[in-house]
Amino acid sequence: MNPAWTAEDATSKLIDLVVARYGAPEFRRKEFHAYRDLPLAWRMPIMTDVLEGELQNGGLAQFLWNNFHHHRRILLDAIDGYELIGAPAQAAAARH
């Protein structure tokens, strides 16, 4: 039996694959590579997950505090990713 995957399942699996191969995100460390050598399609689920999770949990202040060294990369990848998947409202919100 092959159960149907949701978009959330696919996103979770992709994040797991990236983390298994390239390491867990360490956005508090300035030296962290932030997955910059990976294609956007691989970075985007991680970056949007980080952005949305931080905003839901503690707001913009928490996002900036926890991701100080990499907040621009996260935002740019999230914006590009949202546009890639046809989510212009989310891209616009991340821009402002």
PDB file of N, CA and C in Angstrom:
ATOM      1  N   MET A   1       0.850  -1.174   0.000  1.00  0.00           N
ATOM      2  CA  MET A   1       0.000   0.000   0.000  1.00  0.00           C
ATOM      3  C   MET A   1       0.900   1.243   0.000  1.00  0.00           C
ATOM      4  N   ASN A   2       0.556   2.209  -0.820  1.00  0.00           N
ATOM      5  CA  ASN A   2       1.320   3.452  -0.918  1.00  0.00           C
ATOM      6  C   ASN A   2       0.428   4.601  -0.465  1.00  0.00           C
ATOM      7  N   PRO A   3       0.610   5.069   0.766  1.00  0.00           N
ATOM      8  CA  PRO A   3      -0.252   6.158   1.252  1.00  0.00           C
ATOM      9  C   PRO A   3       0.031   7.451   0.493  1.00  0.00           C
ATOM     10  N   ALA A   4      -0.983   8.262   0.373  1.00  0.00           N
ATOM     11  CA  ALA A   4      -0.828   9.561  -0.298  1.00  0.00           C
ATOM     12  C   ALA A   4      -0.029  10.500   0.586  1.00  0.00           C
ATOM     13  N   TRP A   5       0.917  11.181  -0.026  1.00  0.00           N
ATOM     14  CA  TRP A   5       1.724  12.162   0.697  1.00  0.00           C
ATOM     15  C   TRP A   5       1.084  13.521   0.598  1.00  0.00           C
ATOM     16  N   THR A   6       1.132  14.235   1.676  1.00  0.00           N
ATOM     17  CA  THR A   6       0.688  15.628   1.652  1.00  0.00           C
ATOM     18  C   THR A   6       1.896  16.504   1.340  1.00  0.00           C
ATOM     19  N   ALA A   7       1.639  17.774   1.060  1.00  0.00           N
ATOM     20  CA  ALA A   7       2.738  18.714   0.836  1.00  0.00           C
ATOM     21  C   ALA A   7       3.600  18.817   2.088  1.00  0.00           C
ATOM     22  N   GLU A   8       2.972  18.750   3.246  1.00  0.00           N
ATOM     23  CA  GLU A   8       3.720  18.803   4.507  1.00  0.00           C
ATOM     24  C   GLU A   8       4.629  17.590   4.664  1.00  0.00           C
ATOM     25  N   ASP A   9       4.142  16.400   4.258  1.00  0.00           N
ATOM     26  CA  ASP A   9       4.976  15.200   4.310  1.00  0.00           C
ATOM     27  C   ASP A   9       6.197  15.347   3.416  1.00  0.00           C
ATOM     28  N   ALA A  10       5.983  15.833   2.203  1.00  0.00           N
ATOM     29  CA  ALA A  10       7.083  15.996   1.256  1.00  0.00           C
ATOM     30  C   ALA A  10       8.099  17.010   1.774  1.00  0.00           C
ATOM     31  N   THR A  11       7.616  18.105   2.331  1.00  0.00           N
ATOM     32  CA  THR A  11       8.507  19.129   2.878  1.00  0.00           C
ATOM     33  C   THR A  11       9.330  18.554   4.024  1.00  0.00           C
ATOM     34  N   SER A  12       8.686  17.838   4.900  1.00  0.00           N
ATOM     35  CA  SER A  12       9.373  17.237   6.044  1.00  0.00           C
ATOM     36  C   SER A  12      10.444  16.250   5.582  1.00  0.00           C
ATOM     37  N   LYS A  13      10.126  15.431   4.600  1.00  0.00           N
ATOM     38  CA  LYS A  13      11.092  14.453   4.084  1.00  0.00           C
ATOM     39  C   LYS A  13      12.289  15.150   3.445  1.00  0.00           C
ATOM     40  N   LEU A  14      12.043  16.215   2.683  1.00  0.00           N
ATOM     41  CA  LEU A  14      13.140  16.946   2.050  1.00  0.00           C
ATOM     42  C   LEU A  14      14.045  17.581   3.104  1.00  0.00           C
ATOM     43  N   ILE A  15      13.441  18.186   4.114  1.00  0.00           N
ATOM     44  CA  ILE A  15      14.240  18.765   5.197  1.00  0.00           C
ATOM     45  C   ILE A  15      15.079  17.680   5.864  1.00  0.00           C
ATOM     46  N   ASP A  16      14.477  16.520   6.123  1.00  0.00           N
ATOM     47  CA  ASP A  16      15.220  15.417   6.746  1.00  0.00           C
ATOM     48  C   ASP A  16      16.401  14.979   5.888  1.00  0.00           C
ATOM     49  N   LEU A  17      16.203  14.916   4.570  1.00  0.00           N
ATOM     50  CA  LEU A  17      17.286  14.523   3.667  1.00  0.00           C
ATOM     51  C   LEU A  17      18.431  15.536   3.675  1.00  0.00           C
ATOM     52  N   VAL A  18      18.090  16.812   3.619  1.00  0.00           N
ATOM     53  CA  VAL A  18      19.118  17.862   3.626  1.00  0.00           C
ATOM     54  C   VAL A  18      19.888  17.838   4.940  1.00  0.00           C
ATOM     55  N   VAL A  19      19.185  17.737   6.044  1.00  0.00           N
ATOM     56  CA  VAL A  19      19.835  17.727   7.357  1.00  0.00           C
ATOM     57  C   VAL A  19      20.723  16.490   7.507  1.00  0.00           C
ATOM     58  N   ALA A  20      20.242  15.342   7.040  1.00  0.00           N
ATOM     59  CA  ALA A  20      21.041  14.118   7.137  1.00  0.00           C
ATOM     60  C   ALA A  20      22.334  14.234   6.334  1.00  0.00           C
ATOM     61  N   ARG A  21      22.265  14.888   5.211  1.00  0.00           N
ATOM     62  CA  ARG A  21      23.450  14.983   4.340  1.00  0.00           C
ATOM     63  C   ARG A  21      24.364  16.169   4.667  1.00  0.00           C
ATOM     64  N   TYR A  22      23.775  17.315   5.027  1.00  0.00           N
ATOM     65  CA  TYR A  22      24.560  18.538   5.183  1.00  0.00           C
ATOM     66  C   TYR A  22      24.583  19.092   6.600  1.00  0.00           C
ATOM     67  N   GLY A  23      23.941  18.401   7.522  1.00  0.00           N
ATOM     68  CA  GLY A  23      23.971  18.815   8.916  1.00  0.00           C
ATOM     69  C   GLY A  23      22.763  19.638   9.330  1.00  0.00           C
ATOM     70  N   ALA A  24      22.542  19.659  10.627  1.00  0.00           N
ATOM     71  CA  ALA A  24      21.411  20.407  11.191  1.00  0.00           C
ATOM     72  C   ALA A  24      21.664  21.904  11.068  1.00  0.00           C
ATOM     73  N   PRO A  25      20.605  22.677  10.908  1.00  0.00           N
ATOM     74  CA  PRO A  25      20.770  24.126  10.828  1.00  0.00           C
ATOM     75  C   PRO A  25      21.362  24.692  12.118  1.00  0.00           C
ATOM     76  N   GLU A  26      22.311  25.586  11.963  1.00  0.00           N
ATOM     77  CA  GLU A  26      22.935  26.261  13.102  1.00  0.00           C
ATOM     78  C   GLU A  26      22.986  27.749  12.798  1.00  0.00           C
ATOM     79  N   PHE A  27      21.825  28.333  12.625  1.00  0.00           N
ATOM     80  CA  PHE A  27      21.746  29.719  12.176  1.00  0.00           C
ATOM     81  C   PHE A  27      22.284  30.725  13.191  1.00  0.00           C
ATOM     82  N   ARG A  28      22.499  30.310  14.422  1.00  0.00           N
ATOM     83  CA  ARG A  28      23.082  31.224  15.420  1.00  0.00           C
ATOM     84  C   ARG A  28      24.591  31.381  15.241  1.00  0.00           C
ATOM     85  N   ARG A  29      25.191  30.436  14.515  1.00  0.00           N
ATOM     86  CA  ARG A  29      26.636  30.487  14.289  1.00  0.00           C
ATOM     87  C   ARG A  29      26.949  31.263  13.013  1.00  0.00           C
ATOM     88  N   LYS A  30      27.797  32.239  13.118  1.00  0.00           N
ATOM     89  CA  LYS A  30      28.185  33.047  11.961  1.00  0.00           C
ATOM     90  C   LYS A  30      28.823  32.185  10.876  1.00  0.00           C
ATOM     91  N   GLU A  31      29.571  31.173  11.269  1.00  0.00           N
ATOM     92  CA  GLU A  31      30.297  30.323  10.330  1.00  0.00           C
ATOM     93  C   GLU A  31      29.415  29.307   9.615  1.00  0.00           C
ATOM     94  N   PHE A  32      28.188  29.159  10.030  1.00  0.00           N
ATOM     95  CA  PHE A  32      27.289  28.169   9.424  1.00  0.00           C
ATOM     96  C   PHE A  32      27.117  28.448   7.934  1.00  0.00           C
ATOM     97  N   HIS A  33      27.185  27.406   7.131  1.00  0.00           N
ATOM     98  CA  HIS A  33      27.120  27.528   5.672  1.00  0.00           C
ATOM     99  C   HIS A  33      25.740  27.897   5.137  1.00  0.00           C
ATOM    100  N   ALA A  34      24.716  27.777   5.932  1.00  0.00           N
ATOM    101  CA  ALA A  34      23.332  28.126   5.562  1.00  0.00           C
ATOM    102  C   ALA A  34      22.888  27.465   4.265  1.00  0.00           C
ATOM    103  N   TYR A  35      23.475  26.324   3.969  1.00  0.00           N
ATOM    104  CA  TYR A  35      23.101  25.534   2.790  1.00  0.00           C
ATOM    105  C   TYR A  35      23.237  26.317   1.485  1.00  0.00           C
ATOM    106  N   ARG A  36      24.086  27.338   1.453  1.00  0.00           N
ATOM    107  CA  ARG A  36      24.147  28.240   0.298  1.00  0.00           C
ATOM    108  C   ARG A  36      24.572  27.561  -0.996  1.00  0.00           C
ATOM    109  N   ASP A  37      25.243  26.415  -0.930  1.00  0.00           N
ATOM    110  CA  ASP A  37      25.658  25.731  -2.148  1.00  0.00           C
ATOM    111  C   ASP A  37      24.590  24.801  -2.715  1.00  0.00           C
ATOM    112  N   LEU A  38      23.487  24.674  -2.011  1.00  0.00           N
ATOM    113  CA  LEU A  38      22.398  23.816  -2.490  1.00  0.00           C
ATOM    114  C   LEU A  38      21.450  24.603  -3.393  1.00  0.00           C
ATOM    115  N   PRO A  39      20.762  23.922  -4.286  1.00  0.00           N
ATOM    116  CA  PRO A  39      19.758  24.612  -5.116  1.00  0.00           C
ATOM    117  C   PRO A  39      18.626  25.174  -4.251  1.00  0.00           C
ATOM    118  N   LEU A  40      17.994  26.222  -4.741  1.00  0.00           N
ATOM    119  CA  LEU A  40      16.891  26.855  -4.011  1.00  0.00           C
ATOM    120  C   LEU A  40      15.819  25.848  -3.616  1.00  0.00           C
ATOM    121  N   ALA A  41      15.487  24.934  -4.493  1.00  0.00           N
ATOM    122  CA  ALA A  41      14.428  23.961  -4.198  1.00  0.00           C
ATOM    123  C   ALA A  41      14.757  23.113  -2.970  1.00  0.00           C
ATOM    124  N   TRP A  42      16.036  22.971  -2.648  1.00  0.00           N
ATOM    125  CA  TRP A  42      16.441  22.223  -1.458  1.00  0.00           C
ATOM    126  C   TRP A  42      16.516  23.126  -0.239  1.00  0.00           C
ATOM    127  N   ARG A  43      16.902  24.385  -0.440  1.00  0.00           N
ATOM    128  CA  ARG A  43      17.013  25.333   0.681  1.00  0.00           C
ATOM    129  C   ARG A  43      15.655  25.858   1.120  1.00  0.00           C
ATOM    130  N   MET A  44      14.787  26.093   0.167  1.00  0.00           N
ATOM    131  CA  MET A  44      13.522  26.779   0.426  1.00  0.00           C
ATOM    132  C   MET A  44      12.691  26.142   1.543  1.00  0.00           C
ATOM    133  N   PRO A  45      12.523  24.819   1.573  1.00  0.00           N
ATOM    134  CA  PRO A  45      11.722  24.254   2.673  1.00  0.00           C
ATOM    135  C   PRO A  45      12.324  24.520   4.050  1.00  0.00           C
ATOM    136  N   ILE A  46      13.637  24.491   4.145  1.00  0.00           N
ATOM    137  CA  ILE A  46      14.283  24.766   5.428  1.00  0.00           C
ATOM    138  C   ILE A  46      14.099  26.227   5.807  1.00  0.00           C
ATOM    139  N   MET A  47      14.339  27.108   4.851  1.00  0.00           N
ATOM    140  CA  MET A  47      14.272  28.535   5.149  1.00  0.00           C
ATOM    141  C   MET A  47      12.850  28.973   5.497  1.00  0.00           C
ATOM    142  N   THR A  48      11.870  28.485   4.771  1.00  0.00           N
ATOM    143  CA  THR A  48      10.495  28.864   5.097  1.00  0.00           C
ATOM    144  C   THR A  48      10.069  28.245   6.427  1.00  0.00           C
ATOM    145  N   ASP A  49      10.554  27.045   6.707  1.00  0.00           N
ATOM    146  CA  ASP A  49      10.238  26.406   7.979  1.00  0.00           C
ATOM    147  C   ASP A  49      10.825  27.211   9.142  1.00  0.00           C
ATOM    148  N   VAL A  50      12.065  27.653   8.993  1.00  0.00           N
ATOM    149  CA  VAL A  50      12.703  28.469  10.026  1.00  0.00           C
ATOM    150  C   VAL A  50      11.953  29.789  10.187  1.00  0.00           C
ATOM    151  N   LEU A  51      11.698  30.463   9.082  1.00  0.00           N
ATOM    152  CA  LEU A  51      11.003  31.755   9.125  1.00  0.00           C
ATOM    153  C   LEU A  51       9.632  31.627   9.773  1.00  0.00           C
ATOM    154  N   GLU A  52       8.815  30.714   9.278  1.00  0.00           N
ATOM    155  CA  GLU A  52       7.452  30.575   9.794  1.00  0.00           C
ATOM    156  C   GLU A  52       7.444  30.090  11.238  1.00  0.00           C
ATOM    157  N   GLY A  53       8.335  29.180  11.566  1.00  0.00           N
ATOM    158  CA  GLY A  53       8.389  28.677  12.935  1.00  0.00           C
ATOM    159  C   GLY A  53       8.766  29.754  13.941  1.00  0.00           C
ATOM    160  N   GLU A  54       9.776  30.538  13.592  1.00  0.00           N
ATOM    161  CA  GLU A  54      10.201  31.615  14.498  1.00  0.00           C
ATOM    162  C   GLU A  54       9.108  32.676  14.640  1.00  0.00           C
ATOM    163  N   LEU A  55       8.467  33.031  13.537  1.00  0.00           N
ATOM    164  CA  LEU A  55       7.419  34.053  13.605  1.00  0.00           C
ATOM    165  C   LEU A  55       6.220  33.576  14.414  1.00  0.00           C
ATOM    166  N   GLN A  56       5.854  32.310  14.262  1.00  0.00           N
ATOM    167  CA  GLN A  56       4.730  31.774  15.030  1.00  0.00           C
ATOM    168  C   GLN A  56       5.068  31.663  16.507  1.00  0.00           C
ATOM    169  N   ASN A  57       6.304  31.330  16.803  1.00  0.00           N
ATOM    170  CA  ASN A  57       6.690  31.085  18.183  1.00  0.00           C
ATOM    171  C   ASN A  57       6.986  32.359  18.965  1.00  0.00           C
ATOM    172  N   GLY A  58       7.712  33.299  18.332  1.00  0.00           N
ATOM    173  CA  GLY A  58       8.121  34.471  19.094  1.00  0.00           C
ATOM    174  C   GLY A  58       8.101  35.765  18.318  1.00  0.00           C
ATOM    175  N   GLY A  59       7.650  35.724  17.086  1.00  0.00           N
ATOM    176  CA  GLY A  59       7.545  36.939  16.293  1.00  0.00           C
ATOM    177  C   GLY A  59       8.847  37.335  15.618  1.00  0.00           C
ATOM    178  N   LEU A  60       8.827  38.519  15.037  1.00  0.00           N
ATOM    179  CA  LEU A  60       9.970  39.029  14.294  1.00  0.00           C
ATOM    180  C   LEU A  60      11.208  39.152  15.174  1.00  0.00           C
ATOM    181  N   ALA A  61      11.025  39.612  16.401  1.00  0.00           N
ATOM    182  CA  ALA A  61      12.175  39.769  17.301  1.00  0.00           C
ATOM    183  C   ALA A  61      12.889  38.437  17.514  1.00  0.00           C
ATOM    184  N   GLN A  62      12.133  37.370  17.712  1.00  0.00           N
ATOM    185  CA  GLN A  62      12.748  36.057  17.914  1.00  0.00           C
ATOM    186  C   GLN A  62      13.434  35.589  16.639  1.00  0.00           C
ATOM    187  N   PHE A  63      12.792  35.798  15.485  1.00  0.00           N
ATOM    188  CA  PHE A  63      13.421  35.415  14.213  1.00  0.00           C
ATOM    189  C   PHE A  63      14.778  36.099  14.068  1.00  0.00           C
ATOM    190  N   LEU A  64      14.819  37.399  14.302  1.00  0.00           N
ATOM    191  CA  LEU A  64      16.070  38.144  14.149  1.00  0.00           C
ATOM    192  C   LEU A  64      17.098  37.730  15.191  1.00  0.00           C
ATOM    193  N   TRP A  65      16.679  37.533  16.426  1.00  0.00           N
ATOM    194  CA  TRP A  65      17.596  37.148  17.492  1.00  0.00           C
ATOM    195  C   TRP A  65      18.230  35.781  17.210  1.00  0.00           C
ATOM    196  N   ASN A  66      17.415  34.816  16.816  1.00  0.00           N
ATOM    197  CA  ASN A  66      17.902  33.452  16.621  1.00  0.00           C
ATOM    198  C   ASN A  66      18.649  33.253  15.308  1.00  0.00           C
ATOM    199  N   ASN A  67      18.500  34.186  14.383  1.00  0.00           N
ATOM    200  CA  ASN A  67      19.085  34.010  13.058  1.00  0.00           C
ATOM    201  C   ASN A  67      19.871  35.239  12.626  1.00  0.00           C
ATOM    202  N   PHE A  68      20.440  35.936  13.588  1.00  0.00           N
ATOM    203  CA  PHE A  68      21.081  37.219  13.351  1.00  0.00           C
ATOM    204  C   PHE A  68      22.029  37.217  12.159  1.00  0.00           C
ATOM    205  N   HIS A  69      22.906  36.241  12.082  1.00  0.00           N
ATOM    206  CA  HIS A  69      23.924  36.219  11.036  1.00  0.00           C
ATOM    207  C   HIS A  69      23.376  35.814   9.667  1.00  0.00           C
ATOM    208  N   HIS A  70      22.235  35.185   9.644  1.00  0.00           N
ATOM    209  CA  HIS A  70      21.738  34.613   8.392  1.00  0.00           C
ATOM    210  C   HIS A  70      20.325  35.066   8.019  1.00  0.00           C
ATOM    211  N   HIS A  71      19.802  36.060   8.724  1.00  0.00           N
ATOM    212  CA  HIS A  71      18.400  36.436   8.490  1.00  0.00           C
ATOM    213  C   HIS A  71      18.148  36.883   7.042  1.00  0.00           C
ATOM    214  N   ARG A  72      19.086  37.575   6.434  1.00  0.00           N
ATOM    215  CA  ARG A  72      18.888  38.001   5.040  1.00  0.00           C
ATOM    216  C   ARG A  72      18.813  36.818   4.088  1.00  0.00           C
ATOM    217  N   ARG A  73      19.710  35.858   4.267  1.00  0.00           N
ATOM    218  CA  ARG A  73      19.706  34.658   3.418  1.00  0.00           C
ATOM    219  C   ARG A  73      18.394  33.900   3.585  1.00  0.00           C
ATOM    220  N   ILE A  74      17.941  33.765   4.815  1.00  0.00           N
ATOM    221  CA  ILE A  74      16.684  33.068   5.078  1.00  0.00           C
ATOM    222  C   ILE A  74      15.528  33.790   4.385  1.00  0.00           C
ATOM    223  N   LEU A  75      15.456  35.106   4.569  1.00  0.00           N
ATOM    224  CA  LEU A  75      14.372  35.877   3.948  1.00  0.00           C
ATOM    225  C   LEU A  75      14.419  35.814   2.427  1.00  0.00           C
ATOM    226  N   LEU A  76      15.599  35.982   1.841  1.00  0.00           N
ATOM    227  CA  LEU A  76      15.707  35.956   0.380  1.00  0.00           C
ATOM    228  C   LEU A  76      15.325  34.588  -0.183  1.00  0.00           C
ATOM    229  N   ASP A  77      15.790  33.525   0.454  1.00  0.00           N
ATOM    230  CA  ASP A  77      15.431  32.183  -0.002  1.00  0.00           C
ATOM    231  C   ASP A  77      13.945  31.914   0.188  1.00  0.00           C
ATOM    232  N   ALA A  78      13.393  32.383   1.290  1.00  0.00           N
ATOM    233  CA  ALA A  78      11.957  32.191   1.528  1.00  0.00           C
ATOM    234  C   ALA A  78      11.139  32.944   0.474  1.00  0.00           C
ATOM    235  N   ILE A  79      11.518  34.181   0.187  1.00  0.00           N
ATOM    236  CA  ILE A  79      10.796  34.975  -0.824  1.00  0.00           C
ATOM    237  C   ILE A  79      10.870  34.291  -2.175  1.00  0.00           C
ATOM    238  N   ASP A  80      12.070  33.912  -2.596  1.00  0.00           N
ATOM    239  CA  ASP A  80      12.226  33.229  -3.886  1.00  0.00           C
ATOM    240  C   ASP A  80      11.455  31.916  -3.907  1.00  0.00           C
ATOM    241  N   GLY A  81      11.489  31.200  -2.806  1.00  0.00           N
ATOM    242  CA  GLY A  81      10.768  29.932  -2.715  1.00  0.00           C
ATOM    243  C   GLY A  81       9.261  30.113  -2.779  1.00  0.00           C
ATOM    244  N   TYR A  82       8.758  31.101  -2.060  1.00  0.00           N
ATOM    245  CA  TYR A  82       7.317  31.368  -2.115  1.00  0.00           C
ATOM    246  C   TYR A  82       6.895  31.716  -3.539  1.00  0.00           C
ATOM    247  N   GLU A  83       7.694  32.526  -4.221  1.00  0.00           N
ATOM    248  CA  GLU A  83       7.364  32.860  -5.604  1.00  0.00           C
ATOM    249  C   GLU A  83       7.417  31.628  -6.490  1.00  0.00           C
ATOM    250  N   LEU A  84       8.388  30.765  -6.268  1.00  0.00           N
ATOM    251  CA  LEU A  84       8.555  29.544  -7.047  1.00  0.00           C
ATOM    252  C   LEU A  84       7.336  28.631  -6.942  1.00  0.00           C
ATOM    253  N   ILE A  85       6.746  28.561  -5.761  1.00  0.00           N
ATOM    254  CA  ILE A  85       5.597  27.660  -5.568  1.00  0.00           C
ATOM    255  C   ILE A  85       4.254  28.352  -5.780  1.00  0.00           C
ATOM    256  N   GLY A  86       4.290  29.617  -6.216  1.00  0.00           N
ATOM    257  CA  GLY A  86       3.037  30.322  -6.492  1.00  0.00           C
ATOM    258  C   GLY A  86       2.345  30.848  -5.263  1.00  0.00           C
ATOM    259  N   ALA A  87       3.112  31.366  -4.320  1.00  0.00           N
ATOM    260  CA  ALA A  87       2.553  31.938  -3.096  1.00  0.00           C
ATOM    261  C   ALA A  87       2.950  33.414  -2.999  1.00  0.00           C
ATOM    262  N   PRO A  88       2.382  34.248  -3.875  1.00  0.00           N
ATOM    263  CA  PRO A  88       2.811  35.661  -3.918  1.00  0.00           C
ATOM    264  C   PRO A  88       2.485  36.425  -2.642  1.00  0.00           C
ATOM    265  N   ALA A  89       1.408  36.091  -1.959  1.00  0.00           N
ATOM    266  CA  ALA A  89       1.063  36.805  -0.726  1.00  0.00           C
ATOM    267  C   ALA A  89       2.124  36.565   0.345  1.00  0.00           C
ATOM    268  N   GLN A  90       2.603  35.329   0.450  1.00  0.00           N
ATOM    269  CA  GLN A  90       3.633  35.021   1.430  1.00  0.00           C
ATOM    270  C   GLN A  90       4.955  35.694   1.063  1.00  0.00           C
ATOM    271  N   ALA A  91       5.263  35.725  -0.238  1.00  0.00           N
ATOM    272  CA  ALA A  91       6.478  36.408  -0.700  1.00  0.00           C
ATOM    273  C   ALA A  91       6.408  37.894  -0.365  1.00  0.00           C
ATOM    274  N   ALA A  92       5.253  38.499  -0.604  1.00  0.00           N
ATOM    275  CA  ALA A  92       5.080  39.923  -0.305  1.00  0.00           C
ATOM    276  C   ALA A  92       5.194  40.181   1.198  1.00  0.00           C
ATOM    277  N   ALA A  93       4.637  39.311   2.011  1.00  0.00           N
ATOM    278  CA  ALA A  93       4.716  39.493   3.459  1.00  0.00           C
ATOM    279  C   ALA A  93       6.161  39.396   3.943  1.00  0.00           C
ATOM    280  N   ALA A  94       6.927  38.482   3.377  1.00  0.00           N
ATOM    281  CA  ALA A  94       8.323  38.318   3.784  1.00  0.00           C
ATOM    282  C   ALA A  94       9.179  39.504   3.338  1.00  0.00           C
ATOM    283  N   ARG A  95       8.747  40.196   2.297  1.00  0.00           N
ATOM    284  CA  ARG A  95       9.483  41.377   1.821  1.00  0.00           C
ATOM    285  C   ARG A  95       9.329  42.557   2.768  1.00  0.00           C
ATOM    286  N   HIS A  96       8.220  42.609   3.474  1.00  0.00           N
ATOM    287  CA  HIS A  96       7.925  43.788   4.301  1.00  0.00           C
ATOM    288  C   HIS A  96       8.167  43.479   5.707  1.00  0.00           C
TER     289      HIS A  96
END
